[in-house]
């Protein structure tokens, strides 16, 4: 798939659930359906004084960082219809205002909300935007229920469309990439309250039955395309393997359950602490898609949409030309008794960013589980650690404060291994040391061009660096060996430090796999030969 020009396709935002009529009226009163909302947070500077960090909003930041435009001063539909085909810039932002037709403040005859109708009207907007911009496809960015509207478009509306449909992957012709914030891909469940879920799904109170399995099956299953699963085999967290490509969907998952109260007025306790306050972590992503976890709530002041973490993941996913996957391989946690369980905390920092892009920790109830495989099991099952994306560009990263070129793109992957003891299924704290890791280190990874002008990777553990991590200079040291024979991809392994091998196994290593994405074979080869990277 080749990108037009610089790859800046039109962005269409799709908001989440508004609930009742009064809330819908409030939502439609906002010209950008909430995607214009930012946030201000405080951290301490070097003198222990409060320093403010302002995040302008995902809408405004795309305009600042990527040159996108907002062209509409009024009705965007009327504006688009009045423009000649191909005359509107592709790098534009649009908002799918699907609630307008059911708001009593905007129409004399408001009807009931229908998710399928919202998905069908989204397809109308996609068609109009493509026609007027000349862009072959669009980016869809959605929050909460908006992601279910997008999935209905991908999995039912387009496959059933008489012009575009006929196959489960038909949406690839009009949609390029999909990014979801805190979408309940697996529905919304209430901890210990099955009766509450049944009442919601039976009565459809405030239209909230769209988060139940029966309604999800209805709007996610095509009617005219063979191969779709039946009700008994339906799993809302899975998309058809021969449908819209999973690597073109990114799910951002929130892990902060303390700073949100749901639209239904239910306290966080109703959905449980292992959630963003509304959506459980396990229900917030599609299986097999790239994803990141960030300590943000479903919405509100500390919400996931109006966060720097959300925007930085969004920007990399939409415009990144290289996919980066890091995993632990060669694991054989050893010599501990069978009553020992291992948890791995991990986070990803990128040079130049004020936030981490991904974070899983025991404190946030989402550590990575490291399972011991039987001694006679020779199959190595990698443990995924993080997914992120890089962009080939015409300039190296630049320090905005000093204007100094930073040289290489630097990632730091923080790892902490924690053990827990269980006795007859009950946690044992007899020899427990709270918040104490059995092993902790950080893998510092630099990506740059080697002497041949191809991408190369250097890495070291922070425990070997004798100065500040920011000052580590890999110049003069050999790049890691590329274990991938393909010219457009590369794969490297970094053995864990000696201190960790008695815990994780003698062959344990972090494996980093980098592959081109969203490009034709010829473009992939060009990307792999490009001599520079930008990480911002």
Protein backbone atom coordinates (compact mmCIF):
# COMPACT_ATOMS: atom_id res chain seq x y z
CA UNK A 1 0.00 0.00 0.00
CA UNK A 2 1.62 3.25 -1.12
CA UNK A 3 0.81 6.51 0.61
CA UNK A 4 -0.22 9.61 -1.32
CA UNK A 5 2.40 12.35 -0.99
CA UNK A 6 3.60 12.51 2.60
CA UNK A 7 1.02 10.01 3.87
CA UNK A 8 -1.12 12.58 5.69
CA UNK A 9 -4.55 11.15 5.01
CA UNK A 10 -7.77 12.77 6.29
CA UNK A 11 -8.53 12.15 9.98
CA UNK A 12 -12.11 11.51 11.09
CA UNK A 13 -12.81 11.59 14.84
CA UNK A 14 -15.66 9.51 16.31
CA UNK A 15 -16.74 10.30 19.88
CA UNK A 16 -18.07 7.95 22.54
CA UNK A 17 -21.34 7.25 24.35
CA UNK A 18 -23.40 10.25 25.48
CA UNK A 19 -26.22 8.39 27.23
CA UNK A 20 -29.47 10.29 27.76
CA UNK A 21 -31.13 13.07 25.77
CA UNK A 22 -29.76 15.81 28.02
CA UNK A 23 -26.22 14.45 27.70
CA UNK A 24 -26.63 14.17 23.94
CA UNK A 25 -27.70 17.82 23.80
CA UNK A 26 -24.59 18.75 25.76
CA UNK A 27 -22.39 16.74 23.41
CA UNK A 28 -23.74 18.30 20.23
CA UNK A 29 -23.24 21.79 21.68
CA UNK A 30 -19.48 21.23 21.35
CA UNK A 31 -18.39 21.91 17.77
CA UNK A 32 -15.67 19.25 17.96
CA UNK A 33 -17.49 16.70 20.13
CA UNK A 34 -14.81 16.98 22.85
CA UNK A 35 -11.69 16.25 20.81
CA UNK A 36 -10.68 19.89 21.27
CA UNK A 37 -10.29 19.46 25.05
CA UNK A 38 -6.80 19.57 26.52
CA UNK A 39 -5.34 19.33 29.99
CA UNK A 40 -2.82 20.97 32.30
CA UNK A 41 -0.73 19.00 34.74
CA UNK A 42 1.98 19.85 37.23
CA UNK A 43 5.36 18.33 37.95
CA UNK A 44 8.29 19.60 40.04
CA UNK A 45 11.23 21.31 38.39
CA UNK A 46 14.85 21.17 39.57
CA UNK A 47 14.14 23.68 42.33
CA UNK A 48 11.09 21.84 43.67
CA UNK A 49 8.77 24.43 42.16
CA UNK A 50 5.54 23.46 40.37
CA UNK A 51 6.03 23.44 36.59
CA UNK A 52 3.03 23.22 34.30
CA UNK A 53 2.77 20.88 31.33
CA UNK A 54 0.04 21.88 28.92
CA UNK A 55 -1.45 19.43 26.45
CA UNK A 56 -3.43 21.42 23.91
CA UNK A 57 -5.70 18.56 22.65
CA UNK A 58 -5.26 15.84 20.02
CA UNK A 59 -7.06 18.00 17.48
CA UNK A 60 -4.85 21.05 17.94
CA UNK A 61 -1.64 19.06 18.23
CA UNK A 62 -2.19 17.43 14.83
CA UNK A 63 -2.45 20.94 13.42
CA UNK A 64 0.72 22.10 15.21
CA UNK A 65 2.89 19.03 14.67
CA UNK A 66 1.63 17.57 11.40
CA UNK A 67 0.22 20.57 9.54
CA UNK A 68 -3.41 19.43 9.51
CA UNK A 69 -6.19 21.93 8.80
CA UNK A 70 -9.71 22.63 10.02
CA UNK A 71 -11.51 24.13 7.04
CA UNK A 72 -15.10 24.23 8.25
CA UNK A 73 -16.77 27.36 9.59
CA UNK A 74 -20.27 25.98 9.84
CA UNK A 75 -21.78 22.73 8.56
CA UNK A 76 -18.96 20.40 7.48
CA UNK A 77 -21.32 18.32 5.35
CA UNK A 78 -22.60 21.38 3.49
CA UNK A 79 -19.03 22.63 3.07
CA UNK A 80 -17.80 19.32 1.63
CA UNK A 81 -20.72 18.97 -0.75
CA UNK A 82 -20.10 22.48 -2.09
CA UNK A 83 -16.45 21.79 -2.99
CA UNK A 84 -15.27 20.37 -6.33
CA UNK A 85 -14.00 16.80 -6.23
CA UNK A 86 -10.31 16.61 -5.33
CA UNK A 87 -10.09 20.26 -4.27
CA UNK A 88 -9.96 19.83 -0.48
CA UNK A 89 -6.53 19.17 1.11
CA UNK A 90 -6.01 15.61 2.32
CA UNK A 91 -4.36 16.68 5.59
CA UNK A 92 -7.64 17.77 7.14
CA UNK A 93 -9.60 16.88 10.29
CA UNK A 94 -13.28 16.02 10.38
CA UNK A 95 -15.67 15.08 13.19
CA UNK A 96 -18.40 12.49 12.75
CA UNK A 97 -21.33 14.28 14.40
CA UNK A 98 -23.61 11.25 14.52
CA UNK A 99 -25.55 12.47 17.56
CA UNK A 100 -26.84 15.58 15.77
CA UNK A 101 -29.80 13.79 14.24
CA UNK A 102 -31.09 12.60 17.63
CA UNK A 103 -30.51 15.81 19.62
CA UNK A 104 -33.69 17.63 20.56
CA UNK A 105 -31.85 20.96 20.36
CA UNK A 106 -30.92 20.41 16.70
CA UNK A 107 -33.93 18.68 15.19
CA UNK A 108 -37.70 18.97 15.56
CA UNK A 109 -38.14 15.21 15.23
CA UNK A 110 -35.35 13.49 17.18
CA UNK A 111 -35.30 9.74 16.81
CA UNK A 112 -33.69 7.04 18.87
CA UNK A 113 -29.98 6.42 18.59
CA UNK A 114 -28.89 3.46 16.47
CA UNK A 115 -25.28 2.31 16.39
CA UNK A 116 -25.76 0.76 12.96
CA UNK A 117 -27.17 4.04 11.64
CA UNK A 118 -24.20 5.91 13.14
CA UNK A 119 -21.85 3.49 11.36
CA UNK A 120 -23.73 3.87 8.06
CA UNK A 121 -23.57 7.68 8.30
CA UNK A 122 -19.85 7.36 9.06
CA UNK A 123 -19.45 5.52 5.76
CA UNK A 124 -21.30 8.39 4.04
CA UNK A 125 -18.82 10.85 5.58
CA UNK A 126 -15.85 8.66 4.58
CA UNK A 127 -17.12 8.58 0.99
CA UNK A 128 -17.62 12.35 0.92
CA UNK A 129 -14.21 13.11 2.42
CA UNK A 130 -12.45 10.76 -0.01
CA UNK A 131 -14.25 12.27 -2.97
CA UNK A 132 -13.54 15.88 -2.07
CA UNK A 133 -9.92 15.35 -0.97
CA UNK A 134 -8.94 12.75 -3.55
CA UNK A 135 -7.41 10.68 -0.74
CA UNK A 136 -7.64 6.94 -1.34
CA UNK A 137 -8.36 6.16 2.32
CA UNK A 138 -8.90 7.85 5.69
CA UNK A 139 -7.65 7.50 9.26
CA UNK A 140 -10.38 6.78 11.83
CA UNK A 141 -9.73 7.87 15.44
CA UNK A 142 -12.34 6.93 18.03
CA UNK A 143 -13.02 7.16 21.75
CA UNK A 144 -14.99 4.58 23.74
CA UNK A 145 -18.23 3.62 21.94
CA UNK A 146 -16.92 5.47 18.88
CA UNK A 147 -14.56 2.55 18.38
CA UNK A 148 -17.56 0.21 18.24
CA UNK A 149 -19.13 2.44 15.58
CA UNK A 150 -15.88 2.15 13.62
CA UNK A 151 -15.81 -1.63 14.03
CA UNK A 152 -19.42 -1.84 12.84
CA UNK A 153 -18.32 0.08 9.76
CA UNK A 154 -15.40 -2.30 9.18
CA UNK A 155 -17.13 -5.57 10.01
CA UNK A 156 -20.76 -5.08 8.93
CA UNK A 157 -21.63 -1.86 7.10
CA UNK A 158 -18.90 -1.94 4.42
CA UNK A 159 -18.99 -5.73 3.83
CA UNK A 160 -22.76 -5.48 3.34
CA UNK A 161 -22.53 -2.36 1.16
CA UNK A 162 -23.70 -3.07 -2.43
CA UNK A 163 -20.90 -0.98 -3.97
CA UNK A 164 -17.91 -1.63 -1.69
CA UNK A 165 -18.84 -4.90 -0.01
CA UNK A 166 -18.80 -8.57 -0.74
CA UNK A 167 -15.91 -9.60 1.49
CA UNK A 168 -14.93 -9.31 5.15
CA UNK A 169 -11.89 -7.16 4.28
CA UNK A 170 -13.76 -4.76 1.99
CA UNK A 171 -13.13 -1.79 4.30
CA UNK A 172 -9.41 -1.82 3.40
CA UNK A 173 -10.37 0.04 0.23
CA UNK A 174 -11.56 3.12 2.16
CA UNK A 175 -9.99 2.96 5.65
CA UNK A 176 -6.23 2.98 6.18
CA UNK A 177 -5.70 2.80 9.96
CA UNK A 178 -7.89 2.78 13.05
CA UNK A 179 -6.89 4.11 16.48
CA UNK A 180 -9.17 3.57 19.48
CA UNK A 181 -9.00 5.20 22.91
CA UNK A 182 -10.55 3.14 25.74
CA UNK A 183 -13.03 1.34 23.49
CA UNK A 184 -14.95 -1.53 25.15
CA UNK A 185 -14.09 -3.98 22.38
CA UNK A 186 -15.20 -6.83 24.62
CA UNK A 187 -18.21 -4.97 25.99
CA UNK A 188 -18.70 -3.58 29.50
CA UNK A 189 -19.06 -5.95 32.42
CA UNK A 190 -19.97 -5.22 36.01
CA UNK A 191 -17.90 -6.98 38.65
CA UNK A 192 -20.13 -9.41 40.51
CA UNK A 193 -23.31 -7.91 39.07
CA UNK A 194 -24.46 -10.26 36.30
CA UNK A 195 -28.04 -9.26 37.05
CA UNK A 196 -27.21 -5.62 36.31
CA UNK A 197 -25.82 -6.60 32.92
CA UNK A 198 -28.91 -8.67 32.10
CA UNK A 199 -31.21 -5.79 33.00
CA UNK A 200 -29.15 -3.40 30.84
CA UNK A 201 -29.28 -5.75 27.86
CA UNK A 202 -32.95 -6.60 28.32
CA UNK A 203 -34.24 -3.06 28.74
CA UNK A 204 -31.67 -1.20 26.62
CA UNK A 205 -31.69 1.61 29.19
CA UNK A 206 -30.30 4.80 27.64
CA UNK A 207 -29.11 2.69 24.70
CA UNK A 208 -26.42 1.05 26.86
CA UNK A 209 -27.28 -2.42 25.52
CA UNK A 210 -24.76 -1.66 22.74
CA UNK A 211 -22.14 -2.82 25.28
CA UNK A 212 -23.75 -6.25 25.70
CA UNK A 213 -22.84 -9.37 23.68
CA UNK A 214 -26.17 -9.80 21.86
CA UNK A 215 -26.26 -6.27 20.45
CA UNK A 216 -22.55 -6.43 19.69
CA UNK A 217 -23.13 -9.56 17.60
CA UNK A 218 -25.88 -7.75 15.68
CA UNK A 219 -23.87 -4.69 14.67
CA UNK A 220 -20.52 -6.47 14.18
CA UNK A 221 -21.75 -9.32 11.96
CA UNK A 222 -22.45 -8.86 8.23
CA UNK A 223 -25.66 -10.22 6.77
CA UNK A 224 -24.66 -10.86 3.15
CA UNK A 225 -21.06 -12.11 3.41
CA UNK A 226 -20.28 -15.78 4.07
CA UNK A 227 -17.66 -16.73 6.61
CA UNK A 228 -18.84 -14.56 9.51
CA UNK A 229 -19.08 -16.37 12.88
CA UNK A 230 -22.44 -17.46 14.26
CA UNK A 231 -23.70 -16.29 17.61
CA UNK A 232 -22.27 -19.28 19.48
CA UNK A 233 -18.77 -18.70 18.06
CA UNK A 234 -18.87 -14.92 18.33
CA UNK A 235 -16.21 -13.25 20.48
CA UNK A 236 -16.41 -9.43 20.43
CA UNK A 237 -12.70 -9.08 21.27
CA UNK A 238 -11.76 -10.78 18.01
CA UNK A 239 -12.06 -9.50 14.46
CA UNK A 240 -12.27 -11.93 11.53
CA UNK A 241 -8.80 -13.19 10.56
CA UNK A 242 -9.63 -12.57 6.89
CA UNK A 243 -11.21 -9.19 7.62
CA UNK A 244 -9.66 -5.76 8.21
CA UNK A 245 -5.94 -6.33 9.00
CA UNK A 246 -5.23 -6.47 12.72
CA UNK A 247 -1.91 -4.66 12.37
CA UNK A 248 -3.81 -1.61 11.10
CA UNK A 249 -5.78 -1.27 14.35
CA UNK A 250 -4.21 0.19 17.51
CA UNK A 251 -5.91 -0.01 20.90
CA UNK A 252 -4.93 2.41 23.67
CA UNK A 253 -5.91 0.98 27.05
CA UNK A 254 -6.43 3.00 30.24
CA UNK A 255 -5.47 1.60 33.65
CA UNK A 256 -6.55 4.37 36.05
CA UNK A 257 -9.86 3.38 37.64
CA UNK A 258 -9.82 6.05 40.35
CA UNK A 259 -10.53 9.25 38.41
CA UNK A 260 -13.74 8.44 36.58
CA UNK A 261 -17.46 8.02 37.24
CA UNK A 262 -19.46 6.48 34.42
CA UNK A 263 -22.13 8.23 32.38
CA UNK A 264 -24.72 6.08 34.14
CA UNK A 265 -23.65 7.46 37.52
CA UNK A 266 -22.17 4.13 38.58
CA UNK A 267 -19.15 4.18 40.86
CA UNK A 268 -15.86 2.60 39.80
CA UNK A 269 -16.63 -0.37 42.06
CA UNK A 270 -19.25 -1.54 39.58
CA UNK A 271 -16.67 -2.40 36.93
CA UNK A 272 -13.81 -3.22 39.26
CA UNK A 273 -10.38 -1.69 39.84
CA UNK A 274 -8.63 -3.42 36.93
CA UNK A 275 -10.12 -0.94 34.49
CA UNK A 276 -10.12 2.69 33.37
CA UNK A 277 -13.19 3.27 35.53
CA UNK A 278 -15.62 2.02 32.89
CA UNK A 279 -13.89 -0.53 30.66
CA UNK A 280 -11.96 -3.49 32.03
CA UNK A 281 -8.38 -3.74 30.75
CA UNK A 282 -9.03 -7.15 29.15
CA UNK A 283 -12.03 -5.77 27.26
CA UNK A 284 -10.28 -2.65 25.94
CA UNK A 285 -8.42 -4.17 23.01
CA UNK A 286 -8.90 -6.46 20.05
CA UNK A 287 -6.87 -9.64 20.32
CA UNK A 288 -3.87 -9.64 18.02
CA UNK A 289 -3.69 -5.88 17.48
CA UNK A 290 -0.83 -3.62 18.63
CA UNK A 291 -1.70 -1.83 21.85
CA UNK A 292 -0.32 0.26 24.69
CA UNK A 293 -1.39 0.67 28.31
CA UNK A 294 -1.26 4.09 29.97
CA UNK A 295 -2.30 5.15 33.48
CA UNK A 296 -5.26 7.27 32.41
CA UNK A 297 -8.97 7.10 33.14
CA UNK A 298 -11.79 6.65 30.66
CA UNK A 299 -12.44 10.38 30.33
CA UNK A 300 -12.48 13.57 32.35
CA UNK A 301 -9.63 15.70 33.66
CA UNK A 302 -7.24 12.74 33.79
CA UNK A 303 -8.84 11.14 30.75
CA UNK A 304 -7.08 9.14 28.09
CA UNK A 305 -8.13 11.28 25.10
CA UNK A 306 -6.83 14.60 26.43
CA UNK A 307 -3.45 13.15 27.40
CA UNK A 308 0.05 13.49 26.03
CA UNK A 309 0.45 9.71 26.30
CA UNK A 310 -2.56 9.18 24.06
CA UNK A 311 -1.45 11.68 21.46
CA UNK A 312 2.11 10.39 21.22
CA UNK A 313 0.87 6.84 20.61
CA UNK A 314 -1.68 8.17 18.10
CA UNK A 315 0.91 10.15 16.15
CA UNK A 316 3.36 7.26 15.90
CA UNK A 317 0.69 4.81 14.82
CA UNK A 318 -0.85 7.03 12.14
CA UNK A 319 2.37 8.25 10.56
CA UNK A 320 4.91 5.62 11.51
CA UNK A 321 6.48 3.68 8.66
CA UNK A 322 8.23 1.13 10.87
CA UNK A 323 6.67 -1.21 13.42
CA UNK A 324 8.77 -2.10 16.47
CA UNK A 325 7.99 -5.10 18.66
CA UNK A 326 9.99 -6.01 21.77
CA UNK A 327 9.62 -9.38 23.49
CA UNK A 328 11.33 -11.53 26.09
CA UNK A 329 12.55 -14.77 24.53
CA UNK A 330 14.42 -17.83 25.73
CA UNK A 331 12.68 -17.71 29.10
CA UNK A 332 13.03 -20.48 31.61
CA UNK A 333 12.41 -19.00 35.08
CA UNK A 334 14.30 -21.43 37.19
CA UNK A 335 15.22 -22.88 40.52
CA UNK A 336 12.32 -21.31 42.39
CA UNK A 337 9.74 -23.58 43.93
CA UNK A 338 6.49 -24.27 42.16
CA UNK A 339 4.66 -21.91 44.50
CA UNK A 340 6.51 -18.91 43.03
CA UNK A 341 4.78 -16.67 40.47
CA UNK A 342 6.69 -14.12 38.42
CA UNK A 343 5.45 -10.70 37.35
CA UNK A 344 7.28 -8.28 35.10
CA UNK A 345 6.77 -4.53 35.25
CA UNK A 346 7.64 -2.66 32.08
CA UNK A 347 7.50 0.87 30.68
CA UNK A 348 8.78 2.61 27.58
CA UNK A 349 10.43 6.04 27.51
CA UNK A 350 11.47 7.88 24.34
CA UNK A 351 14.03 10.65 24.29
CA UNK A 352 12.40 14.06 24.05
CA UNK A 353 8.98 13.08 25.43
CA UNK A 354 7.64 14.13 28.86
CA UNK A 355 5.61 10.92 29.29
CA UNK A 356 6.01 7.16 28.97
CA UNK A 357 4.33 5.58 25.95
CA UNK A 358 3.45 2.32 27.65
CA UNK A 359 3.34 1.19 31.26
CA UNK A 360 2.39 -2.08 32.93
CA UNK A 361 2.92 -2.38 36.67
CA UNK A 362 1.67 -4.25 39.71
CA UNK A 363 0.52 -0.97 41.25
CA UNK A 364 -1.78 -0.45 38.27
CA UNK A 365 -2.94 -4.09 38.40
CA UNK A 366 -1.56 -4.96 34.98
CA UNK A 367 1.95 -6.46 35.21
CA UNK A 368 3.16 -8.85 32.53
CA UNK A 369 2.82 -12.43 33.68
CA UNK A 370 5.90 -14.58 33.16
CA UNK A 371 5.01 -18.27 33.13
CA UNK A 372 7.41 -21.10 33.80
CA UNK A 373 7.36 -23.67 31.03
CA UNK A 374 8.02 -27.36 31.75
CA UNK A 375 11.66 -28.42 31.63
CA UNK A 376 11.00 -30.79 28.74
CA UNK A 377 9.17 -28.11 26.71
CA UNK A 378 11.44 -27.02 23.86
CA UNK A 379 8.98 -24.52 22.36
CA UNK A 380 10.02 -20.94 23.10
CA UNK A 381 6.96 -18.75 23.64
CA UNK A 382 7.97 -15.07 23.53
CA UNK A 383 6.47 -12.72 26.12
CA UNK A 384 5.40 -9.48 24.37
CA UNK A 385 6.66 -6.35 26.13
CA UNK A 386 5.80 -3.33 23.99
CA UNK A 387 4.70 -2.19 20.52
CA UNK A 388 5.65 1.17 19.07
CA UNK A 389 6.34 2.84 15.75
CA UNK A 390 9.04 4.93 14.09
CA UNK A 391 8.91 7.35 11.17
CA UNK A 392 11.42 7.76 8.38
CA UNK A 393 11.83 11.53 7.88
CA UNK A 394 14.07 14.19 6.39
CA UNK A 395 15.51 15.46 9.67
CA UNK A 396 16.99 14.04 12.84
CA UNK A 397 15.33 14.61 16.23
CA UNK A 398 15.95 18.12 17.50
CA UNK A 399 15.90 19.39 21.08
CA UNK A 400 13.19 22.07 20.95
CA UNK A 401 14.73 24.00 23.84
CA UNK A 402 18.30 24.20 22.50
CA UNK A 403 17.86 23.47 18.79
CA UNK A 404 20.58 20.81 19.09
CA UNK A 405 20.32 17.69 16.95
CA UNK A 406 20.08 14.66 19.20
CA UNK A 407 21.76 12.27 16.79
CA UNK A 408 20.08 8.93 17.39
CA UNK A 409 16.55 7.92 18.31
CA UNK A 410 16.76 6.57 21.84
CA UNK A 411 14.25 4.31 23.57
CA UNK A 412 14.58 3.08 27.14
CA UNK A 413 12.71 -0.07 28.13
CA UNK A 414 12.41 -0.33 31.92
CA UNK A 415 12.05 -3.86 33.35
CA UNK A 416 11.40 -4.99 36.95
CA UNK A 417 10.96 -8.65 37.85
CA UNK A 418 8.84 -9.39 40.94
CA UNK A 419 8.14 -12.73 42.59
CA UNK A 420 5.13 -13.74 44.65
CA UNK A 421 4.62 -16.86 46.77
CA UNK A 422 1.37 -18.78 46.97
CA UNK A 423 0.33 -21.50 49.38
CA UNK A 424 -2.81 -23.49 48.53
CA UNK A 425 -3.89 -20.67 46.20
CA UNK A 426 -3.43 -17.94 48.83
CA UNK A 427 -0.68 -15.33 48.61
CA UNK A 428 1.99 -15.84 51.23
CA UNK A 429 3.74 -12.81 52.73
CA UNK A 430 6.01 -14.63 55.20
CA UNK A 431 9.18 -13.71 53.32
CA UNK A 432 7.66 -11.01 51.10
CA UNK A 433 9.35 -7.65 50.46
CA UNK A 434 6.76 -5.21 49.14
CA UNK A 435 7.72 -3.11 46.08
CA UNK A 436 11.10 -4.83 45.99
CA UNK A 437 12.18 -6.27 42.65
CA UNK A 438 14.22 -9.45 42.40
CA UNK A 439 15.87 -7.83 39.37
CA UNK A 440 15.57 -4.36 37.86
CA UNK A 441 17.32 -2.75 34.90
CA UNK A 442 16.66 -0.64 31.82
CA UNK A 443 17.56 -1.48 28.25
CA UNK A 444 18.83 1.58 26.36
CA UNK A 445 18.31 1.22 22.60
CA UNK A 446 19.62 3.58 19.94
CA UNK A 447 18.52 3.41 16.31
CA UNK A 448 20.48 5.23 13.61
CA UNK A 449 22.08 4.74 10.23
CA UNK A 450 25.26 2.69 10.01
CA UNK A 451 28.23 3.37 7.71
CA UNK A 452 26.32 1.81 4.78
CA UNK A 453 23.36 4.15 5.23
CA UNK A 454 21.07 1.38 6.54
CA UNK A 455 19.28 1.34 9.84
CA UNK A 456 21.27 -0.21 12.66
CA UNK A 457 20.68 -0.76 16.37
CA UNK A 458 22.91 -0.30 19.39
CA UNK A 459 21.88 -1.34 22.90
CA UNK A 460 23.20 -1.63 26.43
CA UNK A 461 21.81 -2.14 29.92
CA UNK A 462 21.74 0.91 32.16
CA UNK A 463 23.60 -1.06 34.84
CA UNK A 464 26.68 -0.92 32.58
CA UNK A 465 26.54 2.85 32.00
CA UNK A 466 28.83 4.81 34.29
CA UNK A 467 27.14 8.18 33.70
CA UNK A 468 23.68 9.61 33.08
CA UNK A 469 21.73 7.54 30.56
CA UNK A 470 21.20 10.61 28.39
CA UNK A 471 24.99 10.90 28.01
CA UNK A 472 25.64 7.34 26.82
CA UNK A 473 27.36 7.44 23.43
CA UNK A 474 27.38 4.22 21.37
CA UNK A 475 29.87 5.69 18.86
CA UNK A 476 32.74 3.35 18.28
CA UNK A 477 30.89 0.24 19.48
CA UNK A 478 29.60 -2.30 16.97
CA UNK A 479 25.93 -2.36 16.08
CA UNK A 480 23.90 -5.41 17.08
CA UNK A 481 23.88 -8.27 14.60
CA UNK A 482 20.84 -8.29 12.32
CA UNK A 483 19.32 -11.77 12.52
CA UNK A 484 16.79 -11.11 9.72
CA UNK A 485 17.88 -11.85 6.15
CA UNK A 486 15.19 -9.66 4.61
CA UNK A 487 16.55 -6.32 3.35
CA UNK A 488 13.55 -4.32 4.56
CA UNK A 489 13.40 -5.67 8.15
CA UNK A 490 15.75 -6.38 10.99
CA UNK A 491 15.78 -8.41 14.18
CA UNK A 492 18.25 -8.14 17.06
CA UNK A 493 18.66 -9.86 20.42
CA UNK A 494 20.10 -8.45 23.63
CA UNK A 495 20.87 -11.04 26.34
CA UNK A 496 19.60 -10.07 29.79
CA UNK A 497 22.35 -9.12 32.27
CA UNK A 498 24.15 -11.88 34.18
CA UNK A 499 22.29 -10.90 37.33
CA UNK A 500 18.96 -11.84 35.71
CA UNK A 501 19.94 -15.12 34.06
CA UNK A 502 19.58 -17.21 37.20
CA UNK A 503 16.01 -15.91 37.43
CA UNK A 504 14.92 -15.80 33.79
CA UNK A 505 17.11 -18.53 32.32
CA UNK A 506 20.59 -18.66 30.76
CA UNK A 507 19.28 -17.93 27.26
CA UNK A 508 16.85 -15.16 28.20
CA UNK A 509 17.06 -12.09 25.96
CA UNK A 510 15.08 -9.11 24.76
CA UNK A 511 14.32 -9.49 21.06
CA UNK A 512 13.51 -6.40 19.00
CA UNK A 513 11.87 -6.87 15.60
CA UNK A 514 11.48 -3.92 13.22
CA UNK A 515 9.41 -4.23 10.05
CA UNK A 516 8.03 -1.76 7.49
CA UNK A 517 4.31 -1.17 7.59
CA UNK A 518 1.66 0.28 5.35
CA UNK A 519 3.86 0.33 2.28
CA UNK A 520 4.42 -1.52 -0.97
CA UNK A 521 7.46 -3.82 -1.29
CA UNK A 522 9.39 -1.17 -3.19
CA UNK A 523 8.50 1.50 -0.64
CA UNK A 524 9.44 -0.88 2.19
CA UNK A 525 12.91 -1.30 0.75
CA UNK A 526 13.25 2.50 0.41
CA UNK A 527 12.22 2.99 4.03
CA UNK A 528 14.77 0.41 5.20
CA UNK A 529 17.55 2.25 3.35
CA UNK A 530 16.56 5.70 4.62
CA UNK A 531 19.45 7.12 6.65
CA UNK A 532 17.52 9.06 9.25
CA UNK A 533 14.74 8.60 11.79
CA UNK A 534 12.60 10.98 13.72
CA UNK A 535 10.92 9.87 16.89
CA UNK A 536 8.69 12.83 17.62
